[in-house]
Amino acid sequence: MPREHPVTVSPEEVRRTLGDLESQRSQQRRSYQRPSPLIRVPHDEILRVLHDIDRQRAKERSRHPEQPIPETTPRRASALHSTPNAAKTLPYKTHAAASDCITETT
């Protein structure tokens, strides 16, 4: 087995490298943001807030009926089509309903 030759590094190079590493470490410590603590919220309060949000949206819709408010949950593709040919004009692919994929075996 061959002997490894020792590498000579100047003490100044070691000091500079250690200084660079220490500054990187301190910068990372400063930029680290601790995650916010978890807060327990009672179920009733969550339901109350959701009810208030729904009521506010209903008020907004009644004030501005001509402006449709975008929904936060996507609709199923089958609910969007008014006619069978309307699905062909959409720019995105639609998926078959789960009931279309089920086959009976006897």
PDB file of N, CA and C in Angstrom:
ATOM      1  N   MET A   1       0.850  -1.166   0.000  1.00  0.00           N
ATOM      2  CA  MET A   1       0.000   0.000   0.000  1.00  0.00           C
ATOM      3  C   MET A   1       0.903   1.238   0.000  1.00  0.00           C
ATOM      4  N   PRO A   2       0.650   2.155  -0.944  1.00  0.00           N
ATOM      5  CA  PRO A   2       1.524   3.325  -1.038  1.00  0.00           C
ATOM      6  C   PRO A   2       1.265   4.292   0.115  1.00  0.00           C
ATOM      7  N   ARG A   3       2.325   4.954   0.521  1.00  0.00           N
ATOM      8  CA  ARG A   3       2.205   5.937   1.593  1.00  0.00           C
ATOM      9  C   ARG A   3       1.671   7.249   1.027  1.00  0.00           C
ATOM     10  N   GLU A   4       0.778   7.861   1.781  1.00  0.00           N
ATOM     11  CA  GLU A   4       0.260   9.156   1.345  1.00  0.00           C
ATOM     12  C   GLU A   4       1.260  10.237   1.718  1.00  0.00           C
ATOM     13  N   HIS A   5       1.413  11.184   0.826  1.00  0.00           N
ATOM     14  CA  HIS A   5       2.315  12.297   1.092  1.00  0.00           C
ATOM     15  C   HIS A   5       1.544  13.380   1.837  1.00  0.00           C
ATOM     16  N   PRO A   6       2.108  13.911   2.867  1.00  0.00           N
ATOM     17  CA  PRO A   6       1.412  14.974   3.594  1.00  0.00           C
ATOM     18  C   PRO A   6       1.313  16.232   2.734  1.00  0.00           C
ATOM     19  N   VAL A   7       0.192  16.882   2.838  1.00  0.00           N
ATOM     20  CA  VAL A   7      -0.046  18.110   2.094  1.00  0.00           C
ATOM     21  C   VAL A   7       0.272  19.274   3.012  1.00  0.00           C
ATOM     22  N   THR A   8       1.009  20.205   2.511  1.00  0.00           N
ATOM     23  CA  THR A   8       1.350  21.368   3.327  1.00  0.00           C
ATOM     24  C   THR A   8       0.406  22.510   2.991  1.00  0.00           C
ATOM     25  N   VAL A   9      -0.208  23.048   4.028  1.00  0.00           N
ATOM     26  CA  VAL A   9      -1.123  24.175   3.884  1.00  0.00           C
ATOM     27  C   VAL A   9      -0.637  25.248   4.841  1.00  0.00           C
ATOM     28  N   SER A  10      -0.574  26.441   4.343  1.00  0.00           N
ATOM     29  CA  SER A  10      -0.086  27.535   5.185  1.00  0.00           C
ATOM     30  C   SER A  10      -1.107  27.839   6.283  1.00  0.00           C
ATOM     31  N   PRO A  11      -0.637  28.249   7.446  1.00  0.00           N
ATOM     32  CA  PRO A  11      -1.564  28.607   8.528  1.00  0.00           C
ATOM     33  C   PRO A  11      -2.505  29.746   8.128  1.00  0.00           C
ATOM     34  N   GLU A  12      -2.038  30.647   7.279  1.00  0.00           N
ATOM     35  CA  GLU A  12      -2.895  31.747   6.815  1.00  0.00           C
ATOM     36  C   GLU A  12      -4.071  31.215   5.991  1.00  0.00           C
ATOM     37  N   GLU A  13      -3.817  30.219   5.159  1.00  0.00           N
ATOM     38  CA  GLU A  13      -4.882  29.603   4.360  1.00  0.00           C
ATOM     39  C   GLU A  13      -5.911  28.933   5.272  1.00  0.00           C
ATOM     40  N   VAL A  14      -5.446  28.261   6.311  1.00  0.00           N
ATOM     41  CA  VAL A  14      -6.354  27.613   7.265  1.00  0.00           C
ATOM     42  C   VAL A  14      -7.199  28.662   7.979  1.00  0.00           C
ATOM     43  N   ARG A  15      -6.587  29.749   8.436  1.00  0.00           N
ATOM     44  CA  ARG A  15      -7.325  30.821   9.113  1.00  0.00           C
ATOM     45  C   ARG A  15      -8.379  31.443   8.193  1.00  0.00           C
ATOM     46  N   ARG A  16      -7.993  31.689   6.945  1.00  0.00           N
ATOM     47  CA  ARG A  16      -8.925  32.299   5.993  1.00  0.00           C
ATOM     48  C   ARG A  16     -10.109  31.367   5.730  1.00  0.00           C
ATOM     49  N   THR A  17      -9.835  30.074   5.548  1.00  0.00           N
ATOM     50  CA  THR A  17     -10.906  29.109   5.296  1.00  0.00           C
ATOM     51  C   THR A  17     -11.837  29.009   6.501  1.00  0.00           C
ATOM     52  N   LEU A  18     -11.270  28.924   7.698  1.00  0.00           N
ATOM     53  CA  LEU A  18     -12.099  28.863   8.903  1.00  0.00           C
ATOM     54  C   LEU A  18     -12.925  30.137   9.074  1.00  0.00           C
ATOM     55  N   GLY A  19     -12.342  31.278   8.776  1.00  0.00           N
ATOM     56  CA  GLY A  19     -13.081  32.541   8.857  1.00  0.00           C
ATOM     57  C   GLY A  19     -14.238  32.580   7.877  1.00  0.00           C
ATOM     58  N   ASP A  20     -14.014  32.101   6.654  1.00  0.00           N
ATOM     59  CA  ASP A  20     -15.086  32.058   5.652  1.00  0.00           C
ATOM     60  C   ASP A  20     -16.217  31.132   6.096  1.00  0.00           C
ATOM     61  N   LEU A  21     -15.838  29.966   6.605  1.00  0.00           N
ATOM     62  CA  LEU A  21     -16.856  29.016   7.062  1.00  0.00           C
ATOM     63  C   LEU A  21     -17.649  29.569   8.241  1.00  0.00           C
ATOM     64  N   GLU A  22     -16.973  30.241   9.153  1.00  0.00           N
ATOM     65  CA  GLU A  22     -17.656  30.826  10.308  1.00  0.00           C
ATOM     66  C   GLU A  22     -18.611  31.932   9.881  1.00  0.00           C
ATOM     67  N   SER A  23     -18.209  32.748   8.916  1.00  0.00           N
ATOM     68  CA  SER A  23     -19.108  33.817   8.459  1.00  0.00           C
ATOM     69  C   SER A  23     -20.321  33.233   7.732  1.00  0.00           C
ATOM     70  N   GLN A  24     -20.121  32.163   6.959  1.00  0.00           N
ATOM     71  CA  GLN A  24     -21.258  31.502   6.311  1.00  0.00           C
ATOM     72  C   GLN A  24     -22.224  30.953   7.357  1.00  0.00           C
ATOM     73  N   ARG A  25     -21.666  30.331   8.397  1.00  0.00           N
ATOM     74  CA  ARG A  25     -22.492  29.739   9.444  1.00  0.00           C
ATOM     75  C   ARG A  25     -23.286  30.810  10.189  1.00  0.00           C
ATOM     76  N   SER A  26     -22.647  31.915  10.517  1.00  0.00           N
ATOM     77  CA  SER A  26     -23.355  32.975  11.241  1.00  0.00           C
ATOM     78  C   SER A  26     -24.420  33.620  10.353  1.00  0.00           C
ATOM     79  N   GLN A  27     -24.154  33.726   9.058  1.00  0.00           N
ATOM     80  CA  GLN A  27     -25.156  34.284   8.144  1.00  0.00           C
ATOM     81  C   GLN A  27     -26.359  33.348   8.037  1.00  0.00           C
ATOM     82  N   GLN A  28     -26.103  32.052   7.982  1.00  0.00           N
ATOM     83  CA  GLN A  28     -27.205  31.094   7.931  1.00  0.00           C
ATOM     84  C   GLN A  28     -28.027  31.140   9.210  1.00  0.00           C
ATOM     85  N   ARG A  29     -27.369  31.321  10.349  1.00  0.00           N
ATOM     86  CA  ARG A  29     -28.096  31.427  11.613  1.00  0.00           C
ATOM     87  C   ARG A  29     -29.001  32.650  11.631  1.00  0.00           C
ATOM     88  N   ARG A  30     -28.491  33.772  11.105  1.00  0.00           N
ATOM     89  CA  ARG A  30     -29.291  34.998  11.087  1.00  0.00           C
ATOM     90  C   ARG A  30     -30.485  34.872  10.156  1.00  0.00           C
ATOM     91  N   SER A  31     -30.298  34.181   9.032  1.00  0.00           N
ATOM     92  CA  SER A  31     -31.379  34.092   8.049  1.00  0.00           C
ATOM     93  C   SER A  31     -32.379  32.988   8.377  1.00  0.00           C
ATOM     94  N   TYR A  32     -32.050  32.108   9.327  1.00  0.00           N
ATOM     95  CA  TYR A  32     -32.951  31.017   9.668  1.00  0.00           C
ATOM     96  C   TYR A  32     -34.176  31.568  10.382  1.00  0.00           C
ATOM     97  N   GLN A  33     -35.344  31.178   9.917  1.00  0.00           N
ATOM     98  CA  GLN A  33     -36.582  31.600  10.560  1.00  0.00           C
ATOM     99  C   GLN A  33     -37.205  30.387  11.231  1.00  0.00           C
ATOM    100  N   ARG A  34     -37.405  30.511  12.508  1.00  0.00           N
ATOM    101  CA  ARG A  34     -38.019  29.410  13.236  1.00  0.00           C
ATOM    102  C   ARG A  34     -39.480  29.291  12.817  1.00  0.00           C
ATOM    103  N   PRO A  35     -39.976  28.070  12.670  1.00  0.00           N
ATOM    104  CA  PRO A  35     -41.386  27.925  12.293  1.00  0.00           C
ATOM    105  C   PRO A  35     -42.289  28.454  13.405  1.00  0.00           C
ATOM    106  N   SER A  36     -43.397  29.013  13.004  1.00  0.00           N
ATOM    107  CA  SER A  36     -44.318  29.548  14.001  1.00  0.00           C
ATOM    108  C   SER A  36     -44.912  28.381  14.795  1.00  0.00           C
ATOM    109  N   PRO A  37     -45.170  28.596  16.063  1.00  0.00           N
ATOM    110  CA  PRO A  37     -45.708  27.502  16.881  1.00  0.00           C
ATOM    111  C   PRO A  37     -47.129  27.157  16.450  1.00  0.00           C
ATOM    112  N   LEU A  38     -47.482  25.900  16.622  1.00  0.00           N
ATOM    113  CA  LEU A  38     -48.830  25.462  16.284  1.00  0.00           C
ATOM    114  C   LEU A  38     -49.814  26.027  17.296  1.00  0.00           C
ATOM    115  N   ILE A  39     -50.954  26.427  16.806  1.00  0.00           N
ATOM    116  CA  ILE A  39     -51.982  26.989  17.670  1.00  0.00           C
ATOM    117  C   ILE A  39     -53.210  26.098  17.564  1.00  0.00           C
ATOM    118  N   ARG A  40     -53.716  25.698  18.690  1.00  0.00           N
ATOM    119  CA  ARG A  40     -54.925  24.874  18.701  1.00  0.00           C
ATOM    120  C   ARG A  40     -56.144  25.793  18.638  1.00  0.00           C
ATOM    121  N   VAL A  41     -57.040  25.486  17.693  1.00  0.00           N
ATOM    122  CA  VAL A  41     -58.252  26.275  17.521  1.00  0.00           C
ATOM    123  C   VAL A  41     -59.436  25.339  17.685  1.00  0.00           C
ATOM    124  N   PRO A  42     -60.398  25.707  18.515  1.00  0.00           N
ATOM    125  CA  PRO A  42     -61.566  24.842  18.697  1.00  0.00           C
ATOM    126  C   PRO A  42     -62.343  24.670  17.392  1.00  0.00           C
ATOM    127  N   HIS A  43     -62.924  23.492  17.229  1.00  0.00           N
ATOM    128  CA  HIS A  43     -63.676  23.165  16.017  1.00  0.00           C
ATOM    129  C   HIS A  43     -64.835  24.131  15.810  1.00  0.00           C
ATOM    130  N   ASP A  44     -65.522  24.504  16.887  1.00  0.00           N
ATOM    131  CA  ASP A  44     -66.649  25.433  16.772  1.00  0.00           C
ATOM    132  C   ASP A  44     -66.215  26.788  16.219  1.00  0.00           C
ATOM    133  N   GLU A  45     -65.036  27.243  16.617  1.00  0.00           N
ATOM    134  CA  GLU A  45     -64.554  28.534  16.120  1.00  0.00           C
ATOM    135  C   GLU A  45     -64.232  28.465  14.631  1.00  0.00           C
ATOM    136  N   ILE A  46     -63.666  27.345  14.195  1.00  0.00           N
ATOM    137  CA  ILE A  46     -63.377  27.167  12.768  1.00  0.00           C
ATOM    138  C   ILE A  46     -64.669  27.202  11.973  1.00  0.00           C
ATOM    139  N   LEU A  47     -65.690  26.482  12.452  1.00  0.00           N
ATOM    140  CA  LEU A  47     -66.983  26.478  11.754  1.00  0.00           C
ATOM    141  C   LEU A  47     -67.603  27.870  11.730  1.00  0.00           C
ATOM    142  N   ARG A  48     -67.478  28.612  12.837  1.00  0.00           N
ATOM    143  CA  ARG A  48     -68.036  29.964  12.891  1.00  0.00           C
ATOM    144  C   ARG A  48     -67.354  30.879  11.880  1.00  0.00           C
ATOM    145  N   VAL A  49     -66.026  30.790  11.781  1.00  0.00           N
ATOM    146  CA  VAL A  49     -65.286  31.629  10.838  1.00  0.00           C
ATOM    147  C   VAL A  49     -65.653  31.270   9.403  1.00  0.00           C
ATOM    148  N   LEU A  50     -65.751  29.974   9.104  1.00  0.00           N
ATOM    149  CA  LEU A  50     -66.149  29.564   7.753  1.00  0.00           C
ATOM    150  C   LEU A  50     -67.551  30.065   7.421  1.00  0.00           C
ATOM    151  N   HIS A  51     -68.450  30.015   8.396  1.00  0.00           N
ATOM    152  CA  HIS A  51     -69.807  30.519   8.181  1.00  0.00           C
ATOM    153  C   HIS A  51     -69.774  32.027   7.910  1.00  0.00           C
ATOM    154  N   ASP A  52     -68.952  32.756   8.662  1.00  0.00           N
ATOM    155  CA  ASP A  52     -68.830  34.202   8.444  1.00  0.00           C
ATOM    156  C   ASP A  52     -68.279  34.513   7.053  1.00  0.00           C
ATOM    157  N   ILE A  53     -67.294  33.744   6.616  1.00  0.00           N
ATOM    158  CA  ILE A  53     -66.725  33.954   5.280  1.00  0.00           C
ATOM    159  C   ILE A  53     -67.777  33.695   4.210  1.00  0.00           C
ATOM    160  N   ASP A  54     -68.550  32.612   4.368  1.00  0.00           N
ATOM    161  CA  ASP A  54     -69.619  32.323   3.407  1.00  0.00           C
ATOM    162  C   ASP A  54     -70.647  33.448   3.379  1.00  0.00           C
ATOM    163  N   ARG A  55     -70.997  33.979   4.547  1.00  0.00           N
ATOM    164  CA  ARG A  55     -71.976  35.064   4.611  1.00  0.00           C
ATOM    165  C   ARG A  55     -71.440  36.317   3.920  1.00  0.00           C
ATOM    166  N   GLN A  56     -70.144  36.618   4.126  1.00  0.00           N
ATOM    167  CA  GLN A  56     -69.550  37.783   3.469  1.00  0.00           C
ATOM    168  C   GLN A  56     -69.549  37.619   1.956  1.00  0.00           C
ATOM    169  N   ARG A  57     -69.243  36.423   1.480  1.00  0.00           N
ATOM    170  CA  ARG A  57     -69.264  36.183   0.030  1.00  0.00           C
ATOM    171  C   ARG A  57     -70.674  36.323  -0.525  1.00  0.00           C
ATOM    172  N   ALA A  58     -71.665  35.850   0.223  1.00  0.00           N
ATOM    173  CA  ALA A  58     -73.052  35.974  -0.227  1.00  0.00           C
ATOM    174  C   ALA A  58     -73.452  37.446  -0.317  1.00  0.00           C
ATOM    175  N   LYS A  59     -73.003  38.248   0.653  1.00  0.00           N
ATOM    176  CA  LYS A  59     -73.303  39.682   0.595  1.00  0.00           C
ATOM    177  C   LYS A  59     -72.652  40.323  -0.625  1.00  0.00           C
ATOM    178  N   GLU A  60     -71.401  39.951  -0.902  1.00  0.00           N
ATOM    179  CA  GLU A  60     -70.707  40.499  -2.071  1.00  0.00           C
ATOM    180  C   GLU A  60     -71.414  40.104  -3.363  1.00  0.00           C
ATOM    181  N   ARG A  61     -71.866  38.863  -3.447  1.00  0.00           N
ATOM    182  CA  ARG A  61     -72.572  38.418  -4.656  1.00  0.00           C
ATOM    183  C   ARG A  61     -73.884  39.166  -4.824  1.00  0.00           C
ATOM    184  N   SER A  62     -74.569  39.471  -3.716  1.00  0.00           N
ATOM    185  CA  SER A  62     -75.838  40.185  -3.831  1.00  0.00           C
ATOM    186  C   SER A  62     -75.609  41.645  -4.223  1.00  0.00           C
ATOM    187  N   ARG A  63     -74.477  42.218  -3.847  1.00  0.00           N
ATOM    188  CA  ARG A  63     -74.173  43.600  -4.224  1.00  0.00           C
ATOM    189  C   ARG A  63     -73.750  43.715  -5.681  1.00  0.00           C
ATOM    190  N   HIS A  64     -73.006  42.738  -6.165  1.00  0.00           N
ATOM    191  CA  HIS A  64     -72.476  42.764  -7.528  1.00  0.00           C
ATOM    192  C   HIS A  64     -72.867  41.486  -8.261  1.00  0.00           C
ATOM    193  N   PRO A  65     -74.119  41.361  -8.652  1.00  0.00           N
ATOM    194  CA  PRO A  65     -74.537  40.103  -9.294  1.00  0.00           C
ATOM    195  C   PRO A  65     -73.955  39.918 -10.696  1.00  0.00           C
ATOM    196  N   GLU A  66     -73.529  40.993 -11.354  1.00  0.00           N
ATOM    197  CA  GLU A  66     -73.011  40.857 -12.718  1.00  0.00           C
ATOM    198  C   GLU A  66     -71.575  40.338 -12.748  1.00  0.00           C
ATOM    199  N   GLN A  67     -70.853  40.420 -11.644  1.00  0.00           N
ATOM    200  CA  GLN A  67     -69.466  39.967 -11.607  1.00  0.00           C
ATOM    201  C   GLN A  67     -69.403  38.582 -10.962  1.00  0.00           C
ATOM    202  N   PRO A  68     -69.070  37.561 -11.746  1.00  0.00           N
ATOM    203  CA  PRO A  68     -68.974  36.230 -11.149  1.00  0.00           C
ATOM    204  C   PRO A  68     -67.744  36.129 -10.247  1.00  0.00           C
ATOM    205  N   ILE A  69     -67.911  35.530  -9.090  1.00  0.00           N
ATOM    206  CA  ILE A  69     -66.806  35.336  -8.150  1.00  0.00           C
ATOM    207  C   ILE A  69     -66.209  33.963  -8.413  1.00  0.00           C
ATOM    208  N   PRO A  70     -64.902  33.881  -8.632  1.00  0.00           N
ATOM    209  CA  PRO A  70     -64.295  32.577  -8.915  1.00  0.00           C
ATOM    210  C   PRO A  70     -64.420  31.650  -7.714  1.00  0.00           C
ATOM    211  N   GLU A  71     -64.696  30.389  -8.018  1.00  0.00           N
ATOM    212  CA  GLU A  71     -64.836  29.404  -6.953  1.00  0.00           C
ATOM    213  C   GLU A  71     -63.465  28.962  -6.480  1.00  0.00           C
ATOM    214  N   THR A  72     -63.388  28.592  -5.214  1.00  0.00           N
ATOM    215  CA  THR A  72     -62.113  28.147  -4.666  1.00  0.00           C
ATOM    216  C   THR A  72     -61.881  26.668  -4.907  1.00  0.00           C
ATOM    217  N   THR A  73     -62.952  25.909  -5.132  1.00  0.00           N
ATOM    218  CA  THR A  73     -62.789  24.481  -5.415  1.00  0.00           C
ATOM    219  C   THR A  73     -63.158  24.227  -6.868  1.00  0.00           C
ATOM    220  N   PRO A  74     -62.382  23.424  -7.582  1.00  0.00           N
ATOM    221  CA  PRO A  74     -62.676  23.174  -8.992  1.00  0.00           C
ATOM    222  C   PRO A  74     -63.916  22.305  -9.154  1.00  0.00           C
ATOM    223  N   ARG A  75     -64.643  22.579 -10.199  1.00  0.00           N
ATOM    224  CA  ARG A  75     -65.818  21.771 -10.511  1.00  0.00           C
ATOM    225  C   ARG A  75     -65.406  20.532 -11.279  1.00  0.00           C
ATOM    226  N   ARG A  76     -66.258  19.554 -11.260  1.00  0.00           N
ATOM    227  CA  ARG A  76     -66.015  18.373 -12.079  1.00  0.00           C
ATOM    228  C   ARG A  76     -66.231  18.759 -13.534  1.00  0.00           C
ATOM    229  N   ALA A  77     -65.491  18.137 -14.417  1.00  0.00           N
ATOM    230  CA  ALA A  77     -65.573  18.465 -15.837  1.00  0.00           C
ATOM    231  C   ALA A  77     -66.968  18.188 -16.381  1.00  0.00           C
ATOM    232  N   SER A  78     -67.641  17.154 -15.882  1.00  0.00           N
ATOM    233  CA  SER A  78     -68.968  16.820 -16.397  1.00  0.00           C
ATOM    234  C   SER A  78     -69.992  17.891 -16.036  1.00  0.00           C
ATOM    235  N   ALA A  79     -69.792  18.619 -14.947  1.00  0.00           N
ATOM    236  CA  ALA A  79     -70.731  19.661 -14.554  1.00  0.00           C
ATOM    237  C   ALA A  79     -70.583  20.902 -15.424  1.00  0.00           C
ATOM    238  N   LEU A  80     -69.457  21.066 -16.090  1.00  0.00           N
ATOM    239  CA  LEU A  80     -69.219  22.247 -16.908  1.00  0.00           C
ATOM    240  C   LEU A  80     -69.857  22.161 -18.286  1.00  0.00           C
ATOM    241  N   HIS A  81     -70.140  20.969 -18.760  1.00  0.00           N
ATOM    242  CA  HIS A  81     -70.620  20.792 -20.131  1.00  0.00           C
ATOM    243  C   HIS A  81     -72.136  20.855 -20.183  1.00  0.00           C
ATOM    244  N   SER A  82     -72.645  21.731 -21.028  1.00  0.00           N
ATOM    245  CA  SER A  82     -74.093  21.827 -21.166  1.00  0.00           C
ATOM    246  C   SER A  82     -74.597  20.892 -22.259  1.00  0.00           C
ATOM    247  N   THR A  83     -73.757  20.608 -23.247  1.00  0.00           N
ATOM    248  CA  THR A  83     -74.136  19.699 -24.328  1.00  0.00           C
ATOM    249  C   THR A  83     -73.028  18.684 -24.523  1.00  0.00           C
ATOM    250  N   PRO A  84     -73.316  17.558 -25.168  1.00  0.00           N
ATOM    251  CA  PRO A  84     -72.257  16.567 -25.387  1.00  0.00           C
ATOM    252  C   PRO A  84     -71.113  17.102 -26.242  1.00  0.00           C
ATOM    253  N   ASN A  85     -71.379  18.011 -27.171  1.00  0.00           N
ATOM    254  CA  ASN A  85     -70.331  18.538 -28.043  1.00  0.00           C
ATOM    255  C   ASN A  85     -69.507  19.636 -27.376  1.00  0.00           C
ATOM    256  N   ALA A  86     -69.969  20.161 -26.264  1.00  0.00           N
ATOM    257  CA  ALA A  86     -69.239  21.237 -25.596  1.00  0.00           C
ATOM    258  C   ALA A  86     -67.897  20.751 -25.064  1.00  0.00           C
ATOM    259  N   ALA A  87     -67.801  19.479 -24.730  1.00  0.00           N
ATOM    260  CA  ALA A  87     -66.542  18.940 -24.202  1.00  0.00           C
ATOM    261  C   ALA A  87     -65.446  18.973 -25.257  1.00  0.00           C
ATOM    262  N   LYS A  88     -65.801  18.883 -26.524  1.00  0.00           N
ATOM    263  CA  LYS A  88     -64.803  18.871 -27.588  1.00  0.00           C
ATOM    264  C   LYS A  88     -64.177  20.243 -27.799  1.00  0.00           C
ATOM    265  N   THR A  89     -64.862  21.308 -27.405  1.00  0.00           N
ATOM    266  CA  THR A  89     -64.349  22.648 -27.644  1.00  0.00           C
ATOM    267  C   THR A  89     -63.474  23.156 -26.506  1.00  0.00           C
ATOM    268  N   LEU A  90     -63.420  22.434 -25.387  1.00  0.00           N
ATOM    269  CA  LEU A  90     -62.611  22.896 -24.265  1.00  0.00           C
ATOM    270  C   LEU A  90     -61.135  22.688 -24.560  1.00  0.00           C
ATOM    271  N   PRO A  91     -60.258  23.582 -24.099  1.00  0.00           N
ATOM    272  CA  PRO A  91     -58.831  23.467 -24.395  1.00  0.00           C
ATOM    273  C   PRO A  91     -58.099  22.463 -23.517  1.00  0.00           C
ATOM    274  N   TYR A  92     -58.790  21.802 -22.596  1.00  0.00           N
ATOM    275  CA  TYR A  92     -58.119  20.844 -21.732  1.00  0.00           C
ATOM    276  C   TYR A  92     -58.773  19.478 -21.850  1.00  0.00           C
ATOM    277  N   LYS A  93     -58.063  18.480 -21.403  1.00  0.00           N
ATOM    278  CA  LYS A  93     -58.580  17.123 -21.482  1.00  0.00           C
ATOM    279  C   LYS A  93     -59.556  16.878 -20.342  1.00  0.00           C
ATOM    280  N   THR A  94     -60.590  16.118 -20.634  1.00  0.00           N
ATOM    281  CA  THR A  94     -61.518  15.706 -19.595  1.00  0.00           C
ATOM    282  C   THR A  94     -61.325  14.228 -19.352  1.00  0.00           C
ATOM    283  N   HIS A  95     -61.561  13.818 -18.138  1.00  0.00           N
ATOM    284  CA  HIS A  95     -61.392  12.422 -17.778  1.00  0.00           C
ATOM    285  C   HIS A  95     -62.755  11.752 -17.709  1.00  0.00           C
ATOM    286  N   ALA A  96     -62.767  10.471 -18.007  1.00  0.00           N
ATOM    287  CA  ALA A  96     -64.010   9.720 -17.935  1.00  0.00           C
ATOM    288  C   ALA A  96     -64.451   9.620 -16.485  1.00  0.00           C
ATOM    289  N   ALA A  97     -65.748   9.602 -16.283  1.00  0.00           N
ATOM    290  CA  ALA A  97     -66.268   9.445 -14.935  1.00  0.00           C
ATOM    291  C   ALA A  97     -65.962   8.037 -14.452  1.00  0.00           C
ATOM    292  N   ALA A  98     -65.891   7.872 -13.149  1.00  0.00           N
ATOM    293  CA  ALA A  98     -65.562   6.563 -12.585  1.00  0.00           C
ATOM    294  C   ALA A  98     -66.615   5.531 -12.960  1.00  0.00           C
ATOM    295  N   SER A  99     -67.878   5.957 -13.082  1.00  0.00           N
ATOM    296  CA  SER A  99     -68.930   5.003 -13.425  1.00  0.00           C
ATOM    297  C   SER A  99     -68.777   4.496 -14.858  1.00  0.00           C
ATOM    298  N   ASP A 100     -68.126   5.269 -15.740  1.00  0.00           N
ATOM    299  CA  ASP A 100     -67.910   4.827 -17.115  1.00  0.00           C
ATOM    300  C   ASP A 100     -66.844   3.748 -17.197  1.00  0.00           C
ATOM    301  N   CYS A 101     -65.950   3.700 -16.222  1.00  0.00           N
ATOM    302  CA  CYS A 101     -64.833   2.764 -16.258  1.00  0.00           C
ATOM    303  C   CYS A 101     -65.153   1.430 -15.603  1.00  0.00           C
ATOM    304  N   ILE A 102     -66.251   1.351 -14.872  1.00  0.00           N
ATOM    305  CA  ILE A 102     -66.584   0.125 -14.149  1.00  0.00           C
ATOM    306  C   ILE A 102     -67.287  -0.837 -15.099  1.00  0.00           C
ATOM    307  N   THR A 103     -66.811  -2.054 -15.129  1.00  0.00           N
ATOM    308  CA  THR A 103     -67.451  -3.088 -15.946  1.00  0.00           C
ATOM    309  C   THR A 103     -67.867  -4.226 -15.040  1.00  0.00           C
ATOM    310  N   GLU A 104     -68.978  -4.836 -15.363  1.00  0.00           N
ATOM    311  CA  GLU A 104     -69.466  -5.951 -14.559  1.00  0.00           C
ATOM    312  C   GLU A 104     -68.881  -7.244 -15.072  1.00  0.00           C
ATOM    313  N   THR A 105     -68.520  -8.106 -14.142  1.00  0.00           N
ATOM    314  CA  THR A 105     -68.063  -9.444 -14.508  1.00  0.00           C
ATOM    315  C   THR A 105     -68.967 -10.449 -13.827  1.00  0.00           C
ATOM    316  N   THR A 106     -69.393 -11.439 -14.586  1.00  0.00           N
ATOM    317  CA  THR A 106     -70.286 -12.452 -14.003  1.00  0.00           C
ATOM    318  C   THR A 106     -69.667 -13.811 -14.073  1.00  0.00           C
TER     319      THR A 106
END
